[in-house]
């Protein structure tokens, strides 16, 4: 498995303890604190935490410089790329399918099931390809497999639904956050997130070795592009994985 959140260059996201079940406050080590953000419901938890600067590393004061106006990040020519099917115009009522990765000790599917309204904000994605899927590909009503990465074994364990389409990831604007990006601002955001709601657990987890062993899934993005934490899933792949999970 790969880290849940990508960074540029890639590095493993900080390890955190599993979220406590009571009220979905999230416990972690002494350098982390709870992050509670408002989303589509009264209190929609994101999967990440605020990061406090160590006492011996105070932010240095920089002289104020005028900055040129930022241009909004441009999308790739999707119709020419290998992910064209994920961005192609949709038929009326068409639903598409995805896979989202999260380390279970950071935010597991069980954590999502007991979150307020069974909903969380999928924040802190710092890879442009994965960002494009969140920002431009996902639509309300789409379904996604919930994949436990860096687990023993890594596996698809549940299904969730997109309940809010792409909107700016506010963690990128917060200088105290572990995933702060000084080059992103609210007027021209670089990073985006969606909100997802738990639908159901799979009858049986479908492990990464299971996926790799199935010839029908050899082209699945989970296998071909393991570095991305957000990837599209074809209808055929979706139906095959669901059928695998139903087998004893």
C-alpha atoms as a PDB file:
ATOM      1  CA  UNK A   1       0.000   0.000   0.000  1.00  0.00           C
ATOM      2  CA  UNK A   2       0.937   3.636  -0.305  1.00  0.00           C
ATOM      3  CA  UNK A   3       0.392   6.627   1.979  1.00  0.00           C
ATOM      4  CA  UNK A   4      -3.159   7.960   2.167  1.00  0.00           C
ATOM      5  CA  UNK A   5      -2.222  11.533   1.267  1.00  0.00           C
ATOM      6  CA  UNK A   6       0.271  12.474  -1.405  1.00  0.00           C
ATOM      7  CA  UNK A   7       2.739  15.271  -1.053  1.00  0.00           C
ATOM      8  CA  UNK A   8       5.083  16.792  -3.630  1.00  0.00           C
ATOM      9  CA  UNK A   9       7.575  15.256  -3.406  1.00  0.00           C
ATOM     10  CA  UNK A  10       5.811  12.277  -1.878  1.00  0.00           C
ATOM     11  CA  UNK A  11       6.350  11.529   1.764  1.00  0.00           C
ATOM     12  CA  UNK A  12       4.460   9.536   4.316  1.00  0.00           C
ATOM     13  CA  UNK A  13       1.777  11.482   6.169  1.00  0.00           C
ATOM     14  CA  UNK A  14       2.188  11.716   9.951  1.00  0.00           C
ATOM     15  CA  UNK A  15       0.967   8.691  11.878  1.00  0.00           C
ATOM     16  CA  UNK A  16      -1.988   9.322  14.131  1.00  0.00           C
ATOM     17  CA  UNK A  17      -3.997   7.258  16.526  1.00  0.00           C
ATOM     18  CA  UNK A  18      -7.435   6.095  15.467  1.00  0.00           C
ATOM     19  CA  UNK A  19     -10.225   8.530  16.089  1.00  0.00           C
ATOM     20  CA  UNK A  20     -12.050   8.062  19.367  1.00  0.00           C
ATOM     21  CA  UNK A  21     -15.633   6.919  18.866  1.00  0.00           C
ATOM     22  CA  UNK A  22     -17.248   9.353  21.262  1.00  0.00           C
ATOM     23  CA  UNK A  23     -18.326  12.411  19.269  1.00  0.00           C
ATOM     24  CA  UNK A  24     -15.640  11.613  16.709  1.00  0.00           C
ATOM     25  CA  UNK A  25     -13.007  13.719  18.414  1.00  0.00           C
ATOM     26  CA  UNK A  26      -9.661  12.459  17.179  1.00  0.00           C
ATOM     27  CA  UNK A  27      -6.859  11.587  19.578  1.00  0.00           C
ATOM     28  CA  UNK A  28      -3.187  11.673  18.600  1.00  0.00           C
ATOM     29  CA  UNK A  29       0.305  12.372  19.897  1.00  0.00           C
ATOM     30  CA  UNK A  30       1.369  15.542  21.700  1.00  0.00           C
ATOM     31  CA  UNK A  31       2.087  17.460  18.491  1.00  0.00           C
ATOM     32  CA  UNK A  32      -1.423  16.943  17.121  1.00  0.00           C
ATOM     33  CA  UNK A  33      -4.754  18.403  18.107  1.00  0.00           C
ATOM     34  CA  UNK A  34      -8.327  17.954  16.979  1.00  0.00           C
ATOM     35  CA  UNK A  35      -9.527  19.379  13.683  1.00  0.00           C
ATOM     36  CA  UNK A  36     -13.283  19.834  13.498  1.00  0.00           C
ATOM     37  CA  UNK A  37     -14.588  21.527  10.377  1.00  0.00           C
ATOM     38  CA  UNK A  38     -18.060  22.458   9.226  1.00  0.00           C
ATOM     39  CA  UNK A  39     -19.232  20.691   6.115  1.00  0.00           C
ATOM     40  CA  UNK A  40     -22.588  19.586   4.748  1.00  0.00           C
ATOM     41  CA  UNK A  41     -23.835  18.631   8.205  1.00  0.00           C
ATOM     42  CA  UNK A  42     -23.637  20.393  11.554  1.00  0.00           C
ATOM     43  CA  UNK A  43     -20.172  18.930  12.209  1.00  0.00           C
ATOM     44  CA  UNK A  44     -18.378  17.164   9.408  1.00  0.00           C
ATOM     45  CA  UNK A  45     -14.990  15.804  10.450  1.00  0.00           C
ATOM     46  CA  UNK A  46     -12.109  15.833   8.031  1.00  0.00           C
ATOM     47  CA  UNK A  47      -9.663  12.954   8.240  1.00  0.00           C
ATOM     48  CA  UNK A  48      -6.721  15.064   9.392  1.00  0.00           C
ATOM     49  CA  UNK A  49      -5.568  17.035  12.413  1.00  0.00           C
ATOM     50  CA  UNK A  50      -4.163  20.453  13.096  1.00  0.00           C
ATOM     51  CA  UNK A  51      -0.384  20.420  13.610  1.00  0.00           C
ATOM     52  CA  UNK A  52       1.124  22.758  16.209  1.00  0.00           C
ATOM     53  CA  UNK A  53       4.568  24.173  15.552  1.00  0.00           C
ATOM     54  CA  UNK A  54       7.170  22.876  18.032  1.00  0.00           C
ATOM     55  CA  UNK A  55       8.054  25.415  20.721  1.00  0.00           C
ATOM     56  CA  UNK A  56      11.660  25.642  19.530  1.00  0.00           C
ATOM     57  CA  UNK A  57      10.638  26.329  15.940  1.00  0.00           C
ATOM     58  CA  UNK A  58       8.772  29.607  15.880  1.00  0.00           C
ATOM     59  CA  UNK A  59       7.833  30.945  12.455  1.00  0.00           C
ATOM     60  CA  UNK A  60      10.326  33.482  11.215  1.00  0.00           C
ATOM     61  CA  UNK A  61       9.114  36.897  10.201  1.00  0.00           C
ATOM     62  CA  UNK A  62       9.569  37.555   6.515  1.00  0.00           C
ATOM     63  CA  UNK A  63       9.491  40.995   4.892  1.00  0.00           C
ATOM     64  CA  UNK A  64       6.238  41.765   3.137  1.00  0.00           C
ATOM     65  CA  UNK A  65       6.691  41.568  -0.624  1.00  0.00           C
ATOM     66  CA  UNK A  66       4.206  42.333  -3.301  1.00  0.00           C
ATOM     67  CA  UNK A  67       3.162  39.222  -5.191  1.00  0.00           C
ATOM     68  CA  UNK A  68       1.972  38.972  -8.753  1.00  0.00           C
ATOM     69  CA  UNK A  69      -1.642  37.961  -9.147  1.00  0.00           C
ATOM     70  CA  UNK A  70      -1.994  34.188  -9.149  1.00  0.00           C
ATOM     71  CA  UNK A  71      -3.622  32.361 -11.996  1.00  0.00           C
ATOM     72  CA  UNK A  72      -6.157  29.672 -11.256  1.00  0.00           C
ATOM     73  CA  UNK A  73      -4.604  26.215 -11.763  1.00  0.00           C
ATOM     74  CA  UNK A  74      -5.459  24.927 -15.207  1.00  0.00           C
ATOM     75  CA  UNK A  75      -6.862  21.474 -15.837  1.00  0.00           C
ATOM     76  CA  UNK A  76      -5.092  19.010 -18.083  1.00  0.00           C
ATOM     77  CA  UNK A  77      -6.553  18.214 -21.506  1.00  0.00           C
ATOM     78  CA  UNK A  78      -8.490  15.286 -20.084  1.00  0.00           C
ATOM     79  CA  UNK A  79      -9.935  14.222 -23.416  1.00  0.00           C
ATOM     80  CA  UNK A  80      -6.386  13.386 -24.523  1.00  0.00           C
ATOM     81  CA  UNK A  81      -5.182  11.636 -21.390  1.00  0.00           C
ATOM     82  CA  UNK A  82      -5.350   8.087 -20.067  1.00  0.00           C
ATOM     83  CA  UNK A  83      -8.072   9.131 -17.607  1.00  0.00           C
ATOM     84  CA  UNK A  84     -10.329  10.570 -20.302  1.00  0.00           C
ATOM     85  CA  UNK A  85     -13.191   8.221 -19.404  1.00  0.00           C
ATOM     86  CA  UNK A  86     -13.298   9.652 -15.872  1.00  0.00           C
ATOM     87  CA  UNK A  87     -13.918  13.190 -17.155  1.00  0.00           C
ATOM     88  CA  UNK A  88     -15.973  12.516 -20.281  1.00  0.00           C
ATOM     89  CA  UNK A  89     -19.461  14.072 -20.486  1.00  0.00           C
ATOM     90  CA  UNK A  90     -22.010  11.972 -18.619  1.00  0.00           C
ATOM     91  CA  UNK A  91     -25.283  10.543 -19.798  1.00  0.00           C
ATOM     92  CA  UNK A  92     -28.290  11.762 -17.853  1.00  0.00           C
ATOM     93  CA  UNK A  93     -28.364  10.069 -14.456  1.00  0.00           C
ATOM     94  CA  UNK A  94     -25.017   8.324 -15.017  1.00  0.00           C
ATOM     95  CA  UNK A  95     -23.166   7.272 -11.890  1.00  0.00           C
ATOM     96  CA  UNK A  96     -19.410   6.768 -11.837  1.00  0.00           C
ATOM     97  CA  UNK A  97     -17.181   4.810  -9.513  1.00  0.00           C
ATOM     98  CA  UNK A  98     -13.975   5.536  -7.632  1.00  0.00           C
ATOM     99  CA  UNK A  99     -11.563   4.215  -5.027  1.00  0.00           C
ATOM    100  CA  UNK A 100     -10.334   6.227  -2.027  1.00  0.00           C
ATOM    101  CA  UNK A 101      -7.400   5.183   0.144  1.00  0.00           C
ATOM    102  CA  UNK A 102      -7.007   5.829   3.858  1.00  0.00           C
ATOM    103  CA  UNK A 103      -4.698   4.264   6.403  1.00  0.00           C
ATOM    104  CA  UNK A 104      -6.920   2.536   8.976  1.00  0.00           C
ATOM    105  CA  UNK A 105      -4.971   3.951  11.941  1.00  0.00           C
ATOM    106  CA  UNK A 106      -5.549   7.462  10.530  1.00  0.00           C
ATOM    107  CA  UNK A 107      -9.219   7.175   9.595  1.00  0.00           C
ATOM    108  CA  UNK A 108     -10.759   3.760   9.045  1.00  0.00           C
ATOM    109  CA  UNK A 109     -14.070   2.785   7.524  1.00  0.00           C
ATOM    110  CA  UNK A 110     -15.300   2.021  11.049  1.00  0.00           C
ATOM    111  CA  UNK A 111     -14.424   5.605  11.967  1.00  0.00           C
ATOM    112  CA  UNK A 112     -16.517   6.826   9.045  1.00  0.00           C
ATOM    113  CA  UNK A 113     -19.448   4.671  10.145  1.00  0.00           C
ATOM    114  CA  UNK A 114     -19.557   6.365  13.562  1.00  0.00           C
ATOM    115  CA  UNK A 115     -18.759   9.900  12.355  1.00  0.00           C
ATOM    116  CA  UNK A 116     -21.574  12.490  12.529  1.00  0.00           C
ATOM    117  CA  UNK A 117     -23.994  11.685   9.702  1.00  0.00           C
ATOM    118  CA  UNK A 118     -21.491   8.934   8.724  1.00  0.00           C
ATOM    119  CA  UNK A 119     -19.746  11.673   6.750  1.00  0.00           C
ATOM    120  CA  UNK A 120     -16.231  13.085   6.438  1.00  0.00           C
ATOM    121  CA  UNK A 121     -14.347  15.592   4.312  1.00  0.00           C
ATOM    122  CA  UNK A 122     -11.717  13.929   2.109  1.00  0.00           C
ATOM    123  CA  UNK A 123      -8.960  16.483   2.576  1.00  0.00           C
ATOM    124  CA  UNK A 124      -5.167  16.772   2.337  1.00  0.00           C
ATOM    125  CA  UNK A 125      -4.703  15.252  -1.108  1.00  0.00           C
ATOM    126  CA  UNK A 126      -1.503  16.790  -2.480  1.00  0.00           C
ATOM    127  CA  UNK A 127      -1.154  15.142  -5.866  1.00  0.00           C
ATOM    128  CA  UNK A 128      -2.468  16.951  -8.934  1.00  0.00           C
ATOM    129  CA  UNK A 129      -3.875  13.863 -10.656  1.00  0.00           C
ATOM    130  CA  UNK A 130      -5.772  12.810  -7.536  1.00  0.00           C
ATOM    131  CA  UNK A 131      -6.819  16.452  -7.031  1.00  0.00           C
ATOM    132  CA  UNK A 132      -8.298  16.534 -10.535  1.00  0.00           C
ATOM    133  CA  UNK A 133     -10.452  13.504  -9.763  1.00  0.00           C
ATOM    134  CA  UNK A 134     -11.767  15.223  -6.628  1.00  0.00           C
ATOM    135  CA  UNK A 135     -12.252  18.615  -8.245  1.00  0.00           C
ATOM    136  CA  UNK A 136     -13.484  17.742 -11.735  1.00  0.00           C
ATOM    137  CA  UNK A 137     -14.369  14.062 -11.835  1.00  0.00           C
ATOM    138  CA  UNK A 138     -16.496  13.214  -8.812  1.00  0.00           C
ATOM    139  CA  UNK A 139     -20.168  14.147  -8.714  1.00  0.00           C
ATOM    140  CA  UNK A 140     -22.832  13.850  -6.027  1.00  0.00           C
ATOM    141  CA  UNK A 141     -24.224  10.321  -6.073  1.00  0.00           C
ATOM    142  CA  UNK A 142     -21.021   8.666  -7.288  1.00  0.00           C
ATOM    143  CA  UNK A 143     -19.874   5.651  -5.267  1.00  0.00           C
ATOM    144  CA  UNK A 144     -16.360   4.858  -4.081  1.00  0.00           C
ATOM    145  CA  UNK A 145     -14.629   1.852  -2.625  1.00  0.00           C
ATOM    146  CA  UNK A 146     -13.009   2.584   0.750  1.00  0.00           C
ATOM    147  CA  UNK A 147      -9.533   1.072   0.683  1.00  0.00           C
ATOM    148  CA  UNK A 148      -7.382   0.502   3.769  1.00  0.00           C
ATOM    149  CA  UNK A 149      -3.794   1.211   2.709  1.00  0.00           C
ATOM    150  CA  UNK A 150      -0.629   0.308   4.616  1.00  0.00           C
ATOM    151  CA  UNK A 151      -2.635  -2.360   6.405  1.00  0.00           C
ATOM    152  CA  UNK A 152      -2.084  -6.065   6.993  1.00  0.00           C
ATOM    153  CA  UNK A 153      -3.444  -6.816   4.538  1.00  0.00           C
ATOM    154  CA  UNK A 154      -4.348  -3.752   2.506  1.00  0.00           C
ATOM    155  CA  UNK A 155      -7.909  -4.246   1.306  1.00  0.00           C
ATOM    156  CA  UNK A 156     -11.116  -2.765  -0.053  1.00  0.00           C
ATOM    157  CA  UNK A 157     -13.403  -2.854   2.969  1.00  0.00           C
ATOM    158  CA  UNK A 158     -16.429  -0.665   2.293  1.00  0.00           C
ATOM    159  CA  UNK A 159     -18.459   1.586   0.033  1.00  0.00           C
ATOM    160  CA  UNK A 160     -19.093   5.302   0.432  1.00  0.00           C
ATOM    161  CA  UNK A 161     -21.031   7.904  -1.553  1.00  0.00           C
ATOM    162  CA  UNK A 162     -20.020  11.386  -2.687  1.00  0.00           C
ATOM    163  CA  UNK A 163     -22.413  13.814  -0.979  1.00  0.00           C
ATOM    164  CA  UNK A 164     -20.640  17.097  -1.718  1.00  0.00           C
ATOM    165  CA  UNK A 165     -18.699  17.868  -4.888  1.00  0.00           C
ATOM    166  CA  UNK A 166     -15.222  19.370  -5.026  1.00  0.00           C
ATOM    167  CA  UNK A 167     -14.589  22.504  -2.968  1.00  0.00           C
ATOM    168  CA  UNK A 168     -11.362  24.183  -1.746  1.00  0.00           C
ATOM    169  CA  UNK A 169      -9.354  22.197   0.788  1.00  0.00           C
ATOM    170  CA  UNK A 170      -9.002  24.700   3.628  1.00  0.00           C
ATOM    171  CA  UNK A 171      -6.164  22.747   5.254  1.00  0.00           C
ATOM    172  CA  UNK A 172      -3.910  24.141   2.505  1.00  0.00           C
ATOM    173  CA  UNK A 173      -4.543  27.714   3.720  1.00  0.00           C
ATOM    174  CA  UNK A 174      -3.740  27.072   7.399  1.00  0.00           C
ATOM    175  CA  UNK A 175      -0.060  27.746   8.308  1.00  0.00           C
ATOM    176  CA  UNK A 176      -0.387  25.552  11.418  1.00  0.00           C
ATOM    177  CA  UNK A 177      -1.637  22.538   9.483  1.00  0.00           C
ATOM    178  CA  UNK A 178       0.674  19.676   8.529  1.00  0.00           C
ATOM    179  CA  UNK A 179      -0.497  19.955   4.919  1.00  0.00           C
ATOM    180  CA  UNK A 180      -0.282  23.729   4.589  1.00  0.00           C
ATOM    181  CA  UNK A 181       0.675  24.936   1.110  1.00  0.00           C
ATOM    182  CA  UNK A 182       2.037  28.483   0.979  1.00  0.00           C
ATOM    183  CA  UNK A 183       1.486  28.579  -2.779  1.00  0.00           C
ATOM    184  CA  UNK A 184      -2.257  28.028  -2.492  1.00  0.00           C
ATOM    185  CA  UNK A 185      -4.710  30.712  -1.426  1.00  0.00           C
ATOM    186  CA  UNK A 186      -8.453  31.100  -1.104  1.00  0.00           C
ATOM    187  CA  UNK A 187      -8.713  33.327  -4.188  1.00  0.00           C
ATOM    188  CA  UNK A 188      -7.000  30.769  -6.398  1.00  0.00           C
ATOM    189  CA  UNK A 189      -7.072  27.408  -4.584  1.00  0.00           C
ATOM    190  CA  UNK A 190      -4.797  24.637  -5.722  1.00  0.00           C
ATOM    191  CA  UNK A 191      -6.178  21.775  -3.658  1.00  0.00           C
ATOM    192  CA  UNK A 192      -9.726  20.482  -3.416  1.00  0.00           C
ATOM    193  CA  UNK A 193     -11.724  17.990  -1.374  1.00  0.00           C
ATOM    194  CA  UNK A 194     -15.102  16.271  -1.411  1.00  0.00           C
ATOM    195  CA  UNK A 195     -17.409  14.989   1.316  1.00  0.00           C
ATOM    196  CA  UNK A 196     -18.256  11.296   1.434  1.00  0.00           C
ATOM    197  CA  UNK A 197     -20.800   9.317   3.449  1.00  0.00           C
ATOM    198  CA  UNK A 198     -20.561   5.669   4.443  1.00  0.00           C
ATOM    199  CA  UNK A 199     -22.936   3.331   2.614  1.00  0.00           C
ATOM    200  CA  UNK A 200     -22.006  -0.166   3.774  1.00  0.00           C
ATOM    201  CA  UNK A 201     -19.206  -2.546   4.614  1.00  0.00           C
ATOM    202  CA  UNK A 202     -18.334  -5.187   2.070  1.00  0.00           C
ATOM    203  CA  UNK A 203     -19.481  -8.671   3.050  1.00  0.00           C
ATOM    204  CA  UNK A 204     -15.844  -9.723   2.872  1.00  0.00           C
ATOM    205  CA  UNK A 205     -12.782  -7.478   2.443  1.00  0.00           C
ATOM    206  CA  UNK A 206     -11.169  -7.792  -0.974  1.00  0.00           C
ATOM    207  CA  UNK A 207      -7.424  -7.727  -0.372  1.00  0.00           C
ATOM    208  CA  UNK A 208      -4.775  -6.309  -2.659  1.00  0.00           C
ATOM    209  CA  UNK A 209      -3.452  -9.846  -3.354  1.00  0.00           C
ATOM    210  CA  UNK A 210      -7.020 -10.837  -4.323  1.00  0.00           C
ATOM    211  CA  UNK A 211      -7.174  -7.943  -6.775  1.00  0.00           C
ATOM    212  CA  UNK A 212      -3.762  -8.708  -8.268  1.00  0.00           C
ATOM    213  CA  UNK A 213      -4.653 -12.383  -8.685  1.00  0.00           C
ATOM    214  CA  UNK A 214      -7.796 -11.688 -10.718  1.00  0.00           C
ATOM    215  CA  UNK A 215      -7.126 -11.394 -14.474  1.00  0.00           C
ATOM    216  CA  UNK A 216     -10.294  -9.306 -14.798  1.00  0.00           C
ATOM    217  CA  UNK A 217      -8.683  -6.620 -12.606  1.00  0.00           C
ATOM    218  CA  UNK A 218      -5.186  -6.483 -14.156  1.00  0.00           C
ATOM    219  CA  UNK A 219      -5.883  -3.029 -15.608  1.00  0.00           C
ATOM    220  CA  UNK A 220      -7.463  -1.641 -12.441  1.00  0.00           C
ATOM    221  CA  UNK A 221      -5.905   1.688 -11.443  1.00  0.00           C
ATOM    222  CA  UNK A 222      -5.324   0.344  -7.926  1.00  0.00           C
ATOM    223  CA  UNK A 223      -2.825  -2.075  -9.469  1.00  0.00           C
ATOM    224  CA  UNK A 224      -1.454   0.040 -12.302  1.00  0.00           C
ATOM    225  CA  UNK A 225      -1.028   3.363 -10.457  1.00  0.00           C
ATOM    226  CA  UNK A 226      -0.517   2.461  -6.816  1.00  0.00           C
ATOM    227  CA  UNK A 227       0.851   5.883  -5.827  1.00  0.00           C
ATOM    228  CA  UNK A 228      -2.506   7.680  -6.171  1.00  0.00           C
ATOM    229  CA  UNK A 229      -4.920   7.817  -3.235  1.00  0.00           C
ATOM    230  CA  UNK A 230      -7.906   8.672  -5.468  1.00  0.00           C
ATOM    231  CA  UNK A 231      -8.495   6.703  -8.669  1.00  0.00           C
ATOM    232  CA  UNK A 232     -11.404   5.877 -10.996  1.00  0.00           C
ATOM    233  CA  UNK A 233     -12.947   2.420 -11.172  1.00  0.00           C
ATOM    234  CA  UNK A 234     -14.740   1.118 -14.260  1.00  0.00           C
ATOM    235  CA  UNK A 235     -18.255  -0.323 -14.058  1.00  0.00           C
ATOM    236  CA  UNK A 236     -16.926  -3.796 -14.901  1.00  0.00           C
ATOM    237  CA  UNK A 237     -14.244  -3.561 -12.195  1.00  0.00           C
ATOM    238  CA  UNK A 238     -16.771  -2.320  -9.659  1.00  0.00           C
ATOM    239  CA  UNK A 239     -19.184  -5.169 -10.310  1.00  0.00           C
ATOM    240  CA  UNK A 240     -16.405  -7.767 -10.218  1.00  0.00           C
ATOM    241  CA  UNK A 241     -15.044  -6.545  -6.862  1.00  0.00           C
ATOM    242  CA  UNK A 242     -18.531  -6.474  -5.339  1.00  0.00           C
ATOM    243  CA  UNK A 243     -19.091 -10.044  -6.572  1.00  0.00           C
ATOM    244  CA  UNK A 244     -15.726 -11.106  -5.089  1.00  0.00           C
ATOM    245  CA  UNK A 245     -16.737  -9.699  -1.722  1.00  0.00           C
ATOM    246  CA  UNK A 246     -19.927 -11.768  -1.748  1.00  0.00           C
ATOM    247  CA  UNK A 247     -18.123 -15.066  -2.172  1.00  0.00           C
ATOM    248  CA  UNK A 248     -17.441 -17.117   0.892  1.00  0.00           C
END
